């Protein structure tokens, strides 16, 4: 899957859509999510609960 994704991002009609930073971020995200490795939130907005149920639980 990683080889296919990399190939799609650097060859053919999609190569202009992905810069090096985007490719690295996408591939890193696939691996982290595949193995279930949680990333640390990078911004205060990412730390906010995403659902009303989660928000009510915190009150």
C-alpha atoms as a PDB file:
ATOM      1  CA  UNK A   1       0.000   0.000   0.000  1.00  0.00           C
ATOM      2  CA  UNK A   2       2.816   2.416   0.870  1.00  0.00           C
ATOM      3  CA  UNK A   3       4.613   1.723  -2.412  1.00  0.00           C
ATOM      4  CA  UNK A   4       1.424   2.244  -4.405  1.00  0.00           C
ATOM      5  CA  UNK A   5       0.581   5.478  -2.603  1.00  0.00           C
ATOM      6  CA  UNK A   6       4.109   6.804  -3.059  1.00  0.00           C
ATOM      7  CA  UNK A   7       3.999   5.901  -6.735  1.00  0.00           C
ATOM      8  CA  UNK A   8       0.693   7.724  -7.197  1.00  0.00           C
ATOM      9  CA  UNK A   9       2.047  10.820  -5.475  1.00  0.00           C
ATOM     10  CA  UNK A  10       5.281  11.115  -7.472  1.00  0.00           C
ATOM     11  CA  UNK A  11       4.280   9.866 -10.929  1.00  0.00           C
ATOM     12  CA  UNK A  12       1.553  10.502 -13.439  1.00  0.00           C
ATOM     13  CA  UNK A  13      -1.352  12.904 -13.271  1.00  0.00           C
ATOM     14  CA  UNK A  14      -1.246  13.424  -9.483  1.00  0.00           C
ATOM     15  CA  UNK A  15       2.421  14.365  -9.070  1.00  0.00           C
ATOM     16  CA  UNK A  16       1.694  18.098  -9.080  1.00  0.00           C
ATOM     17  CA  UNK A  17      -0.827  17.711  -6.235  1.00  0.00           C
ATOM     18  CA  UNK A  18       1.669  16.615  -3.555  1.00  0.00           C
ATOM     19  CA  UNK A  19       4.754  18.424  -2.333  1.00  0.00           C
ATOM     20  CA  UNK A  20       7.364  16.647  -0.195  1.00  0.00           C
ATOM     21  CA  UNK A  21       5.794  17.817   3.075  1.00  0.00           C
ATOM     22  CA  UNK A  22       2.348  16.573   2.038  1.00  0.00           C
ATOM     23  CA  UNK A  23       3.694  13.200   0.935  1.00  0.00           C
ATOM     24  CA  UNK A  24       5.547  12.730   4.218  1.00  0.00           C
ATOM     25  CA  UNK A  25       2.526  13.775   6.285  1.00  0.00           C
ATOM     26  CA  UNK A  26       0.188  11.433   4.398  1.00  0.00           C
ATOM     27  CA  UNK A  27       2.504   8.433   4.560  1.00  0.00           C
ATOM     28  CA  UNK A  28       3.284   9.028   8.254  1.00  0.00           C
ATOM     29  CA  UNK A  29      -0.447   9.280   8.971  1.00  0.00           C
ATOM     30  CA  UNK A  30      -1.179   6.006   7.207  1.00  0.00           C
ATOM     31  CA  UNK A  31       1.461   4.171   9.216  1.00  0.00           C
ATOM     32  CA  UNK A  32       0.476   5.711  12.547  1.00  0.00           C
ATOM     33  CA  UNK A  33      -3.196   4.946  11.987  1.00  0.00           C
ATOM     34  CA  UNK A  34      -2.522   1.432  10.690  1.00  0.00           C
ATOM     35  CA  UNK A  35      -0.626   0.549  13.847  1.00  0.00           C
ATOM     36  CA  UNK A  36      -2.971   2.539  16.103  1.00  0.00           C
ATOM     37  CA  UNK A  37      -0.288   4.867  17.383  1.00  0.00           C
ATOM     38  CA  UNK A  38      -1.907   7.968  18.837  1.00  0.00           C
ATOM     39  CA  UNK A  39      -0.393  11.282  17.882  1.00  0.00           C
ATOM     40  CA  UNK A  40      -0.086  14.086  20.392  1.00  0.00           C
ATOM     41  CA  UNK A  41      -2.375  17.009  19.549  1.00  0.00           C
ATOM     42  CA  UNK A  42      -0.388  19.787  17.928  1.00  0.00           C
ATOM     43  CA  UNK A  43      -2.767  22.655  18.591  1.00  0.00           C
ATOM     44  CA  UNK A  44      -5.144  23.744  21.367  1.00  0.00           C
ATOM     45  CA  UNK A  45      -8.098  23.274  18.995  1.00  0.00           C
ATOM     46  CA  UNK A  46      -7.128  19.602  18.540  1.00  0.00           C
ATOM     47  CA  UNK A  47      -7.455  19.093  22.302  1.00  0.00           C
ATOM     48  CA  UNK A  48     -11.144  20.058  22.363  1.00  0.00           C
ATOM     49  CA  UNK A  49     -13.692  17.218  22.600  1.00  0.00           C
ATOM     50  CA  UNK A  50     -15.135  16.390  19.209  1.00  0.00           C
ATOM     51  CA  UNK A  51     -18.606  15.295  20.279  1.00  0.00           C
ATOM     52  CA  UNK A  52     -21.275  16.760  22.554  1.00  0.00           C
ATOM     53  CA  UNK A  53     -21.247  13.534  24.625  1.00  0.00           C
ATOM     54  CA  UNK A  54     -17.530  13.946  25.304  1.00  0.00           C
ATOM     55  CA  UNK A  55     -18.111  17.579  26.229  1.00  0.00           C
ATOM     56  CA  UNK A  56     -20.915  16.721  28.669  1.00  0.00           C
ATOM     57  CA  UNK A  57     -18.767  14.056  30.294  1.00  0.00           C
ATOM     58  CA  UNK A  58     -16.060  16.608  31.082  1.00  0.00           C
ATOM     59  CA  UNK A  59     -18.457  19.046  32.835  1.00  0.00           C
END
